[in-house]
Amino acid sequence: ADTVLLLPADTSLHDNDSLVNAALKVALRHSNAYLYSNIWLELTYHIDNHRFVRDTLDIRLADVYGRWLGSGFGASYQREVTVSPAAVVDITRPVALRHIMRVDTLQGIEQVGIEVVR
């Protein structure tokens, strides 16, 4: 699986401009073509120059009856989950996100993103 690198802020910031106690969220947009009720993701972000956090996420996209949990209309749904309500994130470094499903190519995944909220 390919890794998506997302930069949450301007790279001209200094190391001491890292956010402390920020909510870290992952958003995912998918269509009806997605075959599974969940998605496994690996999220990696830096705390500082020498330390990083790697998290494994199991994001539920559908309930036990197969109804999509995300908001949206038509054939596209968006699901947003809070990974950590109080994370220390160095916003000058990219956040890495990749799926760790058992298949290489996931049909129906349209967009993925992160949000760092003070």
PDB file of N, CA and C in Angstrom:
ATOM      1  N   ALA A   1       0.843  -1.191   0.000  1.00  0.00           N
ATOM      2  CA  ALA A   1       0.000   0.000   0.000  1.00  0.00           C
ATOM      3  C   ALA A   1       0.881   1.244   0.000  1.00  0.00           C
ATOM      4  N   ASP A   2       0.452   2.232  -0.744  1.00  0.00           N
ATOM      5  CA  ASP A   2       1.185   3.490  -0.781  1.00  0.00           C
ATOM      6  C   ASP A   2       0.894   4.304   0.474  1.00  0.00           C
ATOM      7  N   THR A   3       1.891   5.067   0.893  1.00  0.00           N
ATOM      8  CA  THR A   3       1.739   5.944   2.043  1.00  0.00           C
ATOM      9  C   THR A   3       1.444   7.347   1.546  1.00  0.00           C
ATOM     10  N   VAL A   4       0.433   7.975   2.146  1.00  0.00           N
ATOM     11  CA  VAL A   4       0.089   9.358   1.837  1.00  0.00           C
ATOM     12  C   VAL A   4       0.744  10.231   2.894  1.00  0.00           C
ATOM     13  N   LEU A   5       1.512  11.228   2.457  1.00  0.00           N
ATOM     14  CA  LEU A   5       2.126  12.175   3.380  1.00  0.00           C
ATOM     15  C   LEU A   5       1.340  13.473   3.328  1.00  0.00           C
ATOM     16  N   LEU A   6       0.840  13.897   4.481  1.00  0.00           N
ATOM     17  CA  LEU A   6       0.029  15.101   4.575  1.00  0.00           C
ATOM     18  C   LEU A   6       0.733  16.087   5.486  1.00  0.00           C
ATOM     19  N   LEU A   7       0.870  17.315   5.034  1.00  0.00           N
ATOM     20  CA  LEU A   7       1.541  18.340   5.826  1.00  0.00           C
ATOM     21  C   LEU A   7       0.490  19.245   6.455  1.00  0.00           C
ATOM     22  N   PRO A   8       0.356  19.217   7.781  1.00  0.00           N
ATOM     23  CA  PRO A   8      -0.704  19.996   8.415  1.00  0.00           C
ATOM     24  C   PRO A   8      -0.465  21.493   8.493  1.00  0.00           C
ATOM     25  N   ALA A   9       0.773  21.960   8.267  1.00  0.00           N
ATOM     26  CA  ALA A   9       1.027  23.393   8.415  1.00  0.00           C
ATOM     27  C   ALA A   9       2.198  23.831   7.560  1.00  0.00           C
ATOM     28  N   ASP A  10       2.487  25.109   7.599  1.00  0.00           N
ATOM     29  CA  ASP A  10       3.568  25.738   6.853  1.00  0.00           C
ATOM     30  C   ASP A  10       4.919  25.214   7.326  1.00  0.00           C
ATOM     31  N   THR A  11       5.784  24.802   6.397  1.00  0.00           N
ATOM     32  CA  THR A  11       7.095  24.269   6.761  1.00  0.00           C
ATOM     33  C   THR A  11       8.071  25.340   7.227  1.00  0.00           C
ATOM     34  N   SER A  12       7.710  26.599   7.136  1.00  0.00           N
ATOM     35  CA  SER A  12       8.608  27.651   7.605  1.00  0.00           C
ATOM     36  C   SER A  12       8.540  27.835   9.124  1.00  0.00           C
ATOM     37  N   LEU A  13       7.644  27.121   9.798  1.00  0.00           N
ATOM     38  CA  LEU A  13       7.548  27.219  11.249  1.00  0.00           C
ATOM     39  C   LEU A  13       8.760  26.550  11.895  1.00  0.00           C
ATOM     40  N   HIS A  14       9.032  26.920  13.129  1.00  0.00           N
ATOM     41  CA  HIS A  14      10.150  26.350  13.871  1.00  0.00           C
ATOM     42  C   HIS A  14       9.668  25.176  14.714  1.00  0.00           C
ATOM     43  N   ASP A  15      10.615  24.374  15.208  1.00  0.00           N
ATOM     44  CA  ASP A  15      10.267  23.193  15.993  1.00  0.00           C
ATOM     45  C   ASP A  15       9.433  23.527  17.227  1.00  0.00           C
ATOM     46  N   ASN A  16       9.662  24.691  17.820  1.00  0.00           N
ATOM     47  CA  ASN A  16       8.907  25.045  19.016  1.00  0.00           C
ATOM     48  C   ASN A  16       7.486  25.508  18.697  1.00  0.00           C
ATOM     49  N   ASP A  17       7.093  25.468  17.425  1.00  0.00           N
ATOM     50  CA  ASP A  17       5.743  25.831  17.030  1.00  0.00           C
ATOM     51  C   ASP A  17       4.822  24.613  16.972  1.00  0.00           C
ATOM     52  N   SER A  18       5.274  23.477  17.487  1.00  0.00           N
ATOM     53  CA  SER A  18       4.444  22.281  17.517  1.00  0.00           C
ATOM     54  C   SER A  18       3.198  22.542  18.356  1.00  0.00           C
ATOM     55  N   LEU A  19       2.103  21.900  17.963  1.00  0.00           N
ATOM     56  CA  LEU A  19       0.871  22.029  18.733  1.00  0.00           C
ATOM     57  C   LEU A  19       0.893  21.058  19.896  1.00  0.00           C
ATOM     58  N   VAL A  20       0.491  21.527  21.048  1.00  0.00           N
ATOM     59  CA  VAL A  20       0.393  20.672  22.225  1.00  0.00           C
ATOM     60  C   VAL A  20      -1.078  20.545  22.571  1.00  0.00           C
ATOM     61  N   ASN A  21      -1.485  19.338  22.936  1.00  0.00           N
ATOM     62  CA  ASN A  21      -2.885  19.063  23.287  1.00  0.00           C
ATOM     63  C   ASN A  21      -3.837  19.454  22.160  1.00  0.00           C
ATOM     64  N   ALA A  22      -3.532  19.015  20.972  1.00  0.00           N
ATOM     65  CA  ALA A  22      -4.382  19.256  19.819  1.00  0.00           C
ATOM     66  C   ALA A  22      -5.175  17.988  19.510  1.00  0.00           C
ATOM     67  N   ALA A  23      -6.399  18.164  19.060  1.00  0.00           N
ATOM     68  CA  ALA A  23      -7.192  17.013  18.622  1.00  0.00           C
ATOM     69  C   ALA A  23      -6.712  16.617  17.232  1.00  0.00           C
ATOM     70  N   LEU A  24      -6.450  15.352  17.054  1.00  0.00           N
ATOM     71  CA  LEU A  24      -5.993  14.824  15.770  1.00  0.00           C
ATOM     72  C   LEU A  24      -7.120  13.980  15.188  1.00  0.00           C
ATOM     73  N   LYS A  25      -7.579  14.359  13.989  1.00  0.00           N
ATOM     74  CA  LYS A  25      -8.706  13.677  13.350  1.00  0.00           C
ATOM     75  C   LYS A  25      -8.311  13.141  11.984  1.00  0.00           C
ATOM     76  N   VAL A  26      -8.945  12.047  11.591  1.00  0.00           N
ATOM     77  CA  VAL A  26      -8.781  11.473  10.261  1.00  0.00           C
ATOM     78  C   VAL A  26     -10.148  11.497   9.591  1.00  0.00           C
ATOM     79  N   ALA A  27     -10.181  11.989   8.356  1.00  0.00           N
ATOM     80  CA  ALA A  27     -11.417  12.018   7.573  1.00  0.00           C
ATOM     81  C   ALA A  27     -11.227  11.168   6.328  1.00  0.00           C
ATOM     82  N   LEU A  28     -12.283  10.454   5.953  1.00  0.00           N
ATOM     83  CA  LEU A  28     -12.222   9.540   4.830  1.00  0.00           C
ATOM     84  C   LEU A  28     -13.512   9.667   4.029  1.00  0.00           C
ATOM     85  N   ARG A  29     -13.387   9.793   2.712  1.00  0.00           N
ATOM     86  CA  ARG A  29     -14.559   9.827   1.835  1.00  0.00           C
ATOM     87  C   ARG A  29     -14.524   8.586   0.953  1.00  0.00           C
ATOM     88  N   HIS A  30     -15.678   7.903   0.882  1.00  0.00           N
ATOM     89  CA  HIS A  30     -15.761   6.675   0.093  1.00  0.00           C
ATOM     90  C   HIS A  30     -17.101   6.619  -0.634  1.00  0.00           C
ATOM     91  N   SER A  31     -17.175   5.724  -1.608  1.00  0.00           N
ATOM     92  CA  SER A  31     -18.407   5.536  -2.382  1.00  0.00           C
ATOM     93  C   SER A  31     -19.025   4.188  -2.032  1.00  0.00           C
ATOM     94  N   ASN A  32     -20.165   3.905  -2.654  1.00  0.00           N
ATOM     95  CA  ASN A  32     -20.829   2.616  -2.477  1.00  0.00           C
ATOM     96  C   ASN A  32     -19.992   1.465  -3.012  1.00  0.00           C
ATOM     97  N   ALA A  33     -18.977   1.759  -3.821  1.00  0.00           N
ATOM     98  CA  ALA A  33     -18.123   0.714  -4.386  1.00  0.00           C
ATOM     99  C   ALA A  33     -17.164   0.125  -3.358  1.00  0.00           C
ATOM    100  N   TYR A  34     -17.043   0.746  -2.181  1.00  0.00           N
ATOM    101  CA  TYR A  34     -16.160   0.201  -1.149  1.00  0.00           C
ATOM    102  C   TYR A  34     -16.778  -1.089  -0.619  1.00  0.00           C
ATOM    103  N   LEU A  35     -16.018  -2.165  -0.590  1.00  0.00           N
ATOM    104  CA  LEU A  35     -16.546  -3.506  -0.323  1.00  0.00           C
ATOM    105  C   LEU A  35     -16.585  -3.909   1.144  1.00  0.00           C
ATOM    106  N   TYR A  36     -16.001  -3.119   2.028  1.00  0.00           N
ATOM    107  CA  TYR A  36     -15.837  -3.551   3.409  1.00  0.00           C
ATOM    108  C   TYR A  36     -16.598  -2.634   4.365  1.00  0.00           C
ATOM    109  N   SER A  37     -16.811  -3.103   5.590  1.00  0.00           N
ATOM    110  CA  SER A  37     -17.525  -2.304   6.590  1.00  0.00           C
ATOM    111  C   SER A  37     -16.583  -1.466   7.442  1.00  0.00           C
ATOM    112  N   ASN A  38     -15.282  -1.667   7.280  1.00  0.00           N
ATOM    113  CA  ASN A  38     -14.294  -0.904   8.038  1.00  0.00           C
ATOM    114  C   ASN A  38     -13.041  -0.717   7.182  1.00  0.00           C
ATOM    115  N   ILE A  39     -12.119   0.049   7.727  1.00  0.00           N
ATOM    116  CA  ILE A  39     -10.810   0.194   7.087  1.00  0.00           C
ATOM    117  C   ILE A  39      -9.760   0.275   8.190  1.00  0.00           C
ATOM    118  N   TRP A  40      -8.667  -0.433   7.972  1.00  0.00           N
ATOM    119  CA  TRP A  40      -7.531  -0.381   8.887  1.00  0.00           C
ATOM    120  C   TRP A  40      -6.505   0.582   8.311  1.00  0.00           C
ATOM    121  N   LEU A  41      -6.083   1.548   9.139  1.00  0.00           N
ATOM    122  CA  LEU A  41      -5.092   2.539   8.729  1.00  0.00           C
ATOM    123  C   LEU A  41      -3.943   2.562   9.728  1.00  0.00           C
ATOM    124  N   GLU A  42      -2.769   2.913   9.211  1.00  0.00           N
ATOM    125  CA  GLU A  42      -1.612   3.168  10.071  1.00  0.00           C
ATOM    126  C   GLU A  42      -1.294   4.653   9.963  1.00  0.00           C
ATOM    127  N   LEU A  43      -1.292   5.327  11.095  1.00  0.00           N
ATOM    128  CA  LEU A  43      -1.041   6.763  11.163  1.00  0.00           C
ATOM    129  C   LEU A  43       0.255   6.991  11.915  1.00  0.00           C
ATOM    130  N   THR A  44       1.169   7.778  11.313  1.00  0.00           N
ATOM    131  CA  THR A  44       2.447   8.085  11.950  1.00  0.00           C
ATOM    132  C   THR A  44       2.631   9.597  11.964  1.00  0.00           C
ATOM    133  N   TYR A  45       2.905  10.150  13.148  1.00  0.00           N
ATOM    134  CA  TYR A  45       3.171  11.584  13.246  1.00  0.00           C
ATOM    135  C   TYR A  45       4.296  11.808  14.251  1.00  0.00           C
ATOM    136  N   HIS A  46       4.995  12.924  14.087  1.00  0.00           N
ATOM    137  CA  HIS A  46       6.162  13.246  14.909  1.00  0.00           C
ATOM    138  C   HIS A  46       5.762  14.102  16.105  1.00  0.00           C
ATOM    139  N   ILE A  47       6.400  13.799  17.227  1.00  0.00           N
ATOM    140  CA  ILE A  47       6.259  14.627  18.429  1.00  0.00           C
ATOM    141  C   ILE A  47       7.326  15.712  18.430  1.00  0.00           C
ATOM    142  N   ASP A  48       8.533  15.333  18.027  1.00  0.00           N
ATOM    143  CA  ASP A  48       9.648  16.269  17.901  1.00  0.00           C
ATOM    144  C   ASP A  48      10.638  15.674  16.906  1.00  0.00           C
ATOM    145  N   ASN A  49      11.867  16.163  16.891  1.00  0.00           N
ATOM    146  CA  ASN A  49      12.863  15.684  15.925  1.00  0.00           C
ATOM    147  C   ASN A  49      13.261  14.226  16.124  1.00  0.00           C
ATOM    148  N   HIS A  50      13.108  13.710  17.325  1.00  0.00           N
ATOM    149  CA  HIS A  50      13.632  12.380  17.632  1.00  0.00           C
ATOM    150  C   HIS A  50      12.559  11.345  17.952  1.00  0.00           C
ATOM    151  N   ARG A  51      11.333  11.771  18.201  1.00  0.00           N
ATOM    152  CA  ARG A  51      10.289  10.829  18.606  1.00  0.00           C
ATOM    153  C   ARG A  51       9.075  10.951  17.692  1.00  0.00           C
ATOM    154  N   PHE A  52       8.441   9.801  17.447  1.00  0.00           N
ATOM    155  CA  PHE A  52       7.217   9.799  16.661  1.00  0.00           C
ATOM    156  C   PHE A  52       6.223   8.815  17.265  1.00  0.00           C
ATOM    157  N   VAL A  53       4.974   8.942  16.870  1.00  0.00           N
ATOM    158  CA  VAL A  53       3.901   8.057  17.315  1.00  0.00           C
ATOM    159  C   VAL A  53       3.374   7.323  16.097  1.00  0.00           C
ATOM    160  N   ARG A  54       3.214   6.016  16.223  1.00  0.00           N
ATOM    161  CA  ARG A  54       2.602   5.216  15.160  1.00  0.00           C
ATOM    162  C   ARG A  54       1.370   4.550  15.759  1.00  0.00           C
ATOM    163  N   ASP A  55       0.223   4.797  15.145  1.00  0.00           N
ATOM    164  CA  ASP A  55      -1.053   4.311  15.647  1.00  0.00           C
ATOM    165  C   ASP A  55      -1.724   3.436  14.599  1.00  0.00           C
ATOM    166  N   THR A  56      -2.351   2.361  15.029  1.00  0.00           N
ATOM    167  CA  THR A  56      -3.147   1.521  14.145  1.00  0.00           C
ATOM    168  C   THR A  56      -4.609   1.827  14.414  1.00  0.00           C
ATOM    169  N   LEU A  57      -5.349   2.175  13.360  1.00  0.00           N
ATOM    170  CA  LEU A  57      -6.741   2.591  13.503  1.00  0.00           C
ATOM    171  C   LEU A  57      -7.663   1.610  12.791  1.00  0.00           C
ATOM    172  N   ASP A  58      -8.730   1.242  13.451  1.00  0.00           N
ATOM    173  CA  ASP A  58      -9.805   0.462  12.839  1.00  0.00           C
ATOM    174  C   ASP A  58     -11.014   1.382  12.772  1.00  0.00           C
ATOM    175  N   ILE A  59     -11.275   1.930  11.600  1.00  0.00           N
ATOM    176  CA  ILE A  59     -12.364   2.889  11.430  1.00  0.00           C
ATOM    177  C   ILE A  59     -13.576   2.158  10.869  1.00  0.00           C
ATOM    178  N   ARG A  60     -14.652   2.151  11.627  1.00  0.00           N
ATOM    179  CA  ARG A  60     -15.911   1.536  11.198  1.00  0.00           C
ATOM    180  C   ARG A  60     -16.576   2.457  10.183  1.00  0.00           C
ATOM    181  N   LEU A  61     -16.936   1.912   9.032  1.00  0.00           N
ATOM    182  CA  LEU A  61     -17.601   2.695   7.990  1.00  0.00           C
ATOM    183  C   LEU A  61     -19.069   2.314   7.819  1.00  0.00           C
ATOM    184  N   ALA A  62     -19.452   1.128   8.304  1.00  0.00           N
ATOM    185  CA  ALA A  62     -20.837   0.670   8.183  1.00  0.00           C
ATOM    186  C   ALA A  62     -21.248  -0.032   9.471  1.00  0.00           C
ATOM    187  N   ASP A  63     -22.563  -0.036   9.748  1.00  0.00           N
ATOM    188  CA  ASP A  63     -23.065  -0.748  10.923  1.00  0.00           C
ATOM    189  C   ASP A  63     -23.242  -2.234  10.594  1.00  0.00           C
ATOM    190  N   VAL A  64     -23.772  -3.010  11.527  1.00  0.00           N
ATOM    191  CA  VAL A  64     -23.907  -4.458  11.331  1.00  0.00           C
ATOM    192  C   VAL A  64     -24.903  -4.806  10.225  1.00  0.00           C
ATOM    193  N   TYR A  65     -25.747  -3.857   9.837  1.00  0.00           N
ATOM    194  CA  TYR A  65     -26.721  -4.076   8.765  1.00  0.00           C
ATOM    195  C   TYR A  65     -26.214  -3.600   7.408  1.00  0.00           C
ATOM    196  N   GLY A  66     -24.990  -3.078   7.360  1.00  0.00           N
ATOM    197  CA  GLY A  66     -24.415  -2.625   6.101  1.00  0.00           C
ATOM    198  C   GLY A  66     -24.739  -1.186   5.746  1.00  0.00           C
ATOM    199  N   ARG A  67     -25.363  -0.449   6.660  1.00  0.00           N
ATOM    200  CA  ARG A  67     -25.669   0.973   6.410  1.00  0.00           C
ATOM    201  C   ARG A  67     -24.428   1.807   6.706  1.00  0.00           C
ATOM    202  N   TRP A  68     -24.101   2.707   5.785  1.00  0.00           N
ATOM    203  CA  TRP A  68     -22.926   3.554   5.961  1.00  0.00           C
ATOM    204  C   TRP A  68     -23.113   4.487   7.156  1.00  0.00           C
ATOM    205  N   LEU A  69     -22.061   4.655   7.940  1.00  0.00           N
ATOM    206  CA  LEU A  69     -22.097   5.494   9.136  1.00  0.00           C
ATOM    207  C   LEU A  69     -21.774   6.953   8.844  1.00  0.00           C
ATOM    208  N   GLY A  70     -21.114   7.234   7.759  1.00  0.00           N
ATOM    209  CA  GLY A  70     -20.692   8.593   7.453  1.00  0.00           C
ATOM    210  C   GLY A  70     -21.839   9.467   6.992  1.00  0.00           C
ATOM    211  N   SER A  71     -21.559  10.745   6.937  1.00  0.00           N
ATOM    212  CA  SER A  71     -22.541  11.690   6.418  1.00  0.00           C
ATOM    213  C   SER A  71     -22.363  11.809   4.917  1.00  0.00           C
ATOM    214  N   GLY A  72     -23.406  12.236   4.255  1.00  0.00           N
ATOM    215  CA  GLY A  72     -23.325  12.419   2.818  1.00  0.00           C
ATOM    216  C   GLY A  72     -24.607  12.007   2.140  1.00  0.00           C
ATOM    217  N   PHE A  73     -24.623  12.224   0.858  1.00  0.00           N
ATOM    218  CA  PHE A  73     -25.798  11.862   0.076  1.00  0.00           C
ATOM    219  C   PHE A  73     -25.326  11.348  -1.271  1.00  0.00           C
ATOM    220  N   GLY A  74     -26.215  10.661  -1.977  1.00  0.00           N
ATOM    221  CA  GLY A  74     -25.815  10.089  -3.252  1.00  0.00           C
ATOM    222  C   GLY A  74     -24.908   8.902  -3.018  1.00  0.00           C
ATOM    223  N   ALA A  75     -23.869   8.811  -3.806  1.00  0.00           N
ATOM    224  CA  ALA A  75     -22.976   7.655  -3.741  1.00  0.00           C
ATOM    225  C   ALA A  75     -21.692   7.936  -2.974  1.00  0.00           C
ATOM    226  N   SER A  76     -21.601   9.066  -2.267  1.00  0.00           N
ATOM    227  CA  SER A  76     -20.371   9.430  -1.570  1.00  0.00           C
ATOM    228  C   SER A  76     -20.668   9.719  -0.099  1.00  0.00           C
ATOM    229  N   TYR A  77     -19.855   9.129   0.772  1.00  0.00           N
ATOM    230  CA  TYR A  77     -20.035   9.275   2.218  1.00  0.00           C
ATOM    231  C   TYR A  77     -18.723   9.705   2.852  1.00  0.00           C
ATOM    232  N   GLN A  78     -18.824  10.536   3.889  1.00  0.00           N
ATOM    233  CA  GLN A  78     -17.632  10.982   4.599  1.00  0.00           C
ATOM    234  C   GLN A  78     -17.736  10.575   6.053  1.00  0.00           C
ATOM    235  N   ARG A  79     -16.656  10.007   6.550  1.00  0.00           N
ATOM    236  CA  ARG A  79     -16.571   9.586   7.952  1.00  0.00           C
ATOM    237  C   ARG A  79     -15.364  10.268   8.565  1.00  0.00           C
ATOM    238  N   GLU A  80     -15.570  10.891   9.719  1.00  0.00           N
ATOM    239  CA  GLU A  80     -14.494  11.580  10.430  1.00  0.00           C
ATOM    240  C   GLU A  80     -14.419  11.022  11.842  1.00  0.00           C
ATOM    241  N   VAL A  81     -13.208  10.655  12.263  1.00  0.00           N
ATOM    242  CA  VAL A  81     -13.008  10.119  13.610  1.00  0.00           C
ATOM    243  C   VAL A  81     -11.871  10.857  14.286  1.00  0.00           C
ATOM    244  N   THR A  82     -11.998  11.036  15.587  1.00  0.00           N
ATOM    245  CA  THR A  82     -10.933  11.634  16.378  1.00  0.00           C
ATOM    246  C   THR A  82      -9.983  10.530  16.805  1.00  0.00           C
ATOM    247  N   VAL A  83      -8.735  10.649  16.389  1.00  0.00           N
ATOM    248  CA  VAL A  83      -7.715   9.662  16.724  1.00  0.00           C
ATOM    249  C   VAL A  83      -7.240   9.886  18.150  1.00  0.00           C
ATOM    250  N   SER A  84      -6.978  11.128  18.474  1.00  0.00           N
ATOM    251  CA  SER A  84      -6.519  11.490  19.813  1.00  0.00           C
ATOM    252  C   SER A  84      -7.068  12.866  20.160  1.00  0.00           C
ATOM    253  N   PRO A  85      -7.757  12.995  21.291  1.00  0.00           N
ATOM    254  CA  PRO A  85      -8.285  14.313  21.670  1.00  0.00           C
ATOM    255  C   PRO A  85      -7.208  15.269  22.185  1.00  0.00           C
ATOM    256  N   ALA A  86      -6.045  14.731  22.581  1.00  0.00           N
ATOM    257  CA  ALA A  86      -4.971  15.565  23.127  1.00  0.00           C
ATOM    258  C   ALA A  86      -3.619  15.021  22.675  1.00  0.00           C
ATOM    259  N   ALA A  87      -3.288  15.240  21.418  1.00  0.00           N
ATOM    260  CA  ALA A  87      -2.029  14.751  20.860  1.00  0.00           C
ATOM    261  C   ALA A  87      -1.014  15.889  20.782  1.00  0.00           C
ATOM    262  N   VAL A  88       0.248  15.525  20.887  1.00  0.00           N
ATOM    263  CA  VAL A  88       1.333  16.473  20.640  1.00  0.00           C
ATOM    264  C   VAL A  88       1.827  16.178  19.227  1.00  0.00           C
ATOM    265  N   VAL A  89       1.618  17.144  18.326  1.00  0.00           N
ATOM    266  CA  VAL A  89       1.949  16.938  16.917  1.00  0.00           C
ATOM    267  C   VAL A  89       2.902  18.039  16.471  1.00  0.00           C
ATOM    268  N   ASP A  90       4.033  17.639  15.888  1.00  0.00           N
ATOM    269  CA  ASP A  90       4.954  18.599  15.283  1.00  0.00           C
ATOM    270  C   ASP A  90       4.382  18.931  13.906  1.00  0.00           C
ATOM    271  N   ILE A  91       3.765  20.087  13.790  1.00  0.00           N
ATOM    272  CA  ILE A  91       3.057  20.438  12.557  1.00  0.00           C
ATOM    273  C   ILE A  91       3.991  20.880  11.433  1.00  0.00           C
ATOM    274  N   THR A  92       5.293  20.886  11.706  1.00  0.00           N
ATOM    275  CA  THR A  92       6.248  21.207  10.646  1.00  0.00           C
ATOM    276  C   THR A  92       6.686  19.959   9.883  1.00  0.00           C
ATOM    277  N   ARG A  93       6.249  18.781  10.319  1.00  0.00           N
ATOM    278  CA  ARG A  93       6.634  17.518   9.690  1.00  0.00           C
ATOM    279  C   ARG A  93       5.388  16.829   9.135  1.00  0.00           C
ATOM    280  N   PRO A  94       5.560  16.096   8.042  1.00  0.00           N
ATOM    281  CA  PRO A  94       4.398  15.423   7.447  1.00  0.00           C
ATOM    282  C   PRO A  94       3.828  14.329   8.355  1.00  0.00           C
ATOM    283  N   VAL A  95       2.542  14.125   8.242  1.00  0.00           N
ATOM    284  CA  VAL A  95       1.854  13.025   8.892  1.00  0.00           C
ATOM    285  C   VAL A  95       1.670  11.947   7.828  1.00  0.00           C
ATOM    286  N   ALA A  96       2.060  10.716   8.150  1.00  0.00           N
ATOM    287  CA  ALA A  96       1.977   9.603   7.197  1.00  0.00           C
ATOM    288  C   ALA A  96       0.733   8.779   7.494  1.00  0.00           C
ATOM    289  N   LEU A  97       0.017   8.440   6.430  1.00  0.00           N
ATOM    290  CA  LEU A  97      -1.214   7.669   6.553  1.00  0.00           C
ATOM    291  C   LEU A  97      -1.231   6.619   5.448  1.00  0.00           C
ATOM    292  N   ARG A  98      -1.451   5.350   5.811  1.00  0.00           N
ATOM    293  CA  ARG A  98      -1.540   4.302   4.801  1.00  0.00           C
ATOM    294  C   ARG A  98      -2.515   3.241   5.267  1.00  0.00           C
ATOM    295  N   HIS A  99      -3.153   2.587   4.303  1.00  0.00           N
ATOM    296  CA  HIS A  99      -4.062   1.507   4.683  1.00  0.00           C
ATOM    297  C   HIS A  99      -3.264   0.232   4.877  1.00  0.00           C
ATOM    298  N   ILE A 100      -3.729  -0.585   5.798  1.00  0.00           N
ATOM    299  CA  ILE A 100      -3.074  -1.863   6.078  1.00  0.00           C
ATOM    300  C   ILE A 100      -4.100  -2.990   5.956  1.00  0.00           C
ATOM    301  N   MET A 101      -4.932  -2.875   4.929  1.00  0.00           N
ATOM    302  CA  MET A 101      -5.900  -3.926   4.633  1.00  0.00           C
ATOM    303  C   MET A 101      -5.166  -5.090   3.966  1.00  0.00           C
ATOM    304  N   ARG A 102      -5.825  -6.222   3.832  1.00  0.00           N
ATOM    305  CA  ARG A 102      -5.199  -7.417   3.268  1.00  0.00           C
ATOM    306  C   ARG A 102      -5.149  -7.408   1.746  1.00  0.00           C
ATOM    307  N   VAL A 103      -5.740  -6.414   1.127  1.00  0.00           N
ATOM    308  CA  VAL A 103      -5.680  -6.281  -0.328  1.00  0.00           C
ATOM    309  C   VAL A 103      -4.841  -5.059  -0.667  1.00  0.00           C
ATOM    310  N   ASP A 104      -4.227  -5.054  -1.844  1.00  0.00           N
ATOM    311  CA  ASP A 104      -3.374  -3.934  -2.232  1.00  0.00           C
ATOM    312  C   ASP A 104      -4.161  -2.710  -2.656  1.00  0.00           C
ATOM    313  N   THR A 105      -5.186  -2.907  -3.484  1.00  0.00           N
ATOM    314  CA  THR A 105      -5.954  -1.795  -4.034  1.00  0.00           C
ATOM    315  C   THR A 105      -7.349  -1.792  -3.437  1.00  0.00           C
ATOM    316  N   LEU A 106      -7.745  -0.653  -2.898  1.00  0.00           N
ATOM    317  CA  LEU A 106      -9.077  -0.508  -2.325  1.00  0.00           C
ATOM    318  C   LEU A 106      -9.962   0.268  -3.286  1.00  0.00           C
ATOM    319  N   GLN A 107     -10.985  -0.373  -3.780  1.00  0.00           N
ATOM    320  CA  GLN A 107     -11.947   0.291  -4.661  1.00  0.00           C
ATOM    321  C   GLN A 107     -12.898   1.125  -3.801  1.00  0.00           C
ATOM    322  N   GLY A 108     -13.235   2.314  -4.267  1.00  0.00           N
ATOM    323  CA  GLY A 108     -14.243   3.124  -3.602  1.00  0.00           C
ATOM    324  C   GLY A 108     -13.724   4.159  -2.630  1.00  0.00           C
ATOM    325  N   ILE A 109     -12.443   4.153  -2.309  1.00  0.00           N
ATOM    326  CA  ILE A 109     -11.884   5.193  -1.439  1.00  0.00           C
ATOM    327  C   ILE A 109     -11.584   6.395  -2.329  1.00  0.00           C
ATOM    328  N   GLU A 110     -12.188   7.529  -2.011  1.00  0.00           N
ATOM    329  CA  GLU A 110     -12.060   8.712  -2.865  1.00  0.00           C
ATOM    330  C   GLU A 110     -11.079   9.740  -2.320  1.00  0.00           C
ATOM    331  N   GLN A 111     -11.134   9.995  -1.012  1.00  0.00           N
ATOM    332  CA  GLN A 111     -10.252  11.007  -0.415  1.00  0.00           C
ATOM    333  C   GLN A 111      -9.933  10.618   1.020  1.00  0.00           C
ATOM    334  N   VAL A 112      -8.786  11.071   1.471  1.00  0.00           N
ATOM    335  CA  VAL A 112      -8.400  10.884   2.863  1.00  0.00           C
ATOM    336  C   VAL A 112      -7.692  12.154   3.320  1.00  0.00           C
ATOM    337  N   GLY A 113      -7.855  12.493   4.577  1.00  0.00           N
ATOM    338  CA  GLY A 113      -7.207  13.693   5.090  1.00  0.00           C
ATOM    339  C   GLY A 113      -7.076  13.642   6.591  1.00  0.00           C
ATOM    340  N   ILE A 114      -6.322  14.573   7.119  1.00  0.00           N
ATOM    341  CA  ILE A 114      -6.160  14.720   8.557  1.00  0.00           C
ATOM    342  C   ILE A 114      -6.513  16.155   8.938  1.00  0.00           C
ATOM    343  N   GLU A 115      -6.848  16.326  10.211  1.00  0.00           N
ATOM    344  CA  GLU A 115      -7.115  17.656  10.740  1.00  0.00           C
ATOM    345  C   GLU A 115      -6.504  17.737  12.125  1.00  0.00           C
ATOM    346  N   VAL A 116      -5.764  18.816  12.373  1.00  0.00           N
ATOM    347  CA  VAL A 116      -5.180  19.082  13.674  1.00  0.00           C
ATOM    348  C   VAL A 116      -5.887  20.316  14.216  1.00  0.00           C
ATOM    349  N   VAL A 117      -6.635  20.148  15.324  1.00  0.00           N
ATOM    350  CA  VAL A 117      -7.477  21.214  15.857  1.00  0.00           C
ATOM    351  C   VAL A 117      -7.020  21.570  17.262  1.00  0.00           C
ATOM    352  N   ARG A 118      -6.748  22.839  17.471  1.00  0.00           N
ATOM    353  CA  ARG A 118      -6.350  23.295  18.817  1.00  0.00           C
ATOM    354  C   ARG A 118      -7.493  23.157  19.781  1.00  0.00           C
TER     355      ARG A 118
END
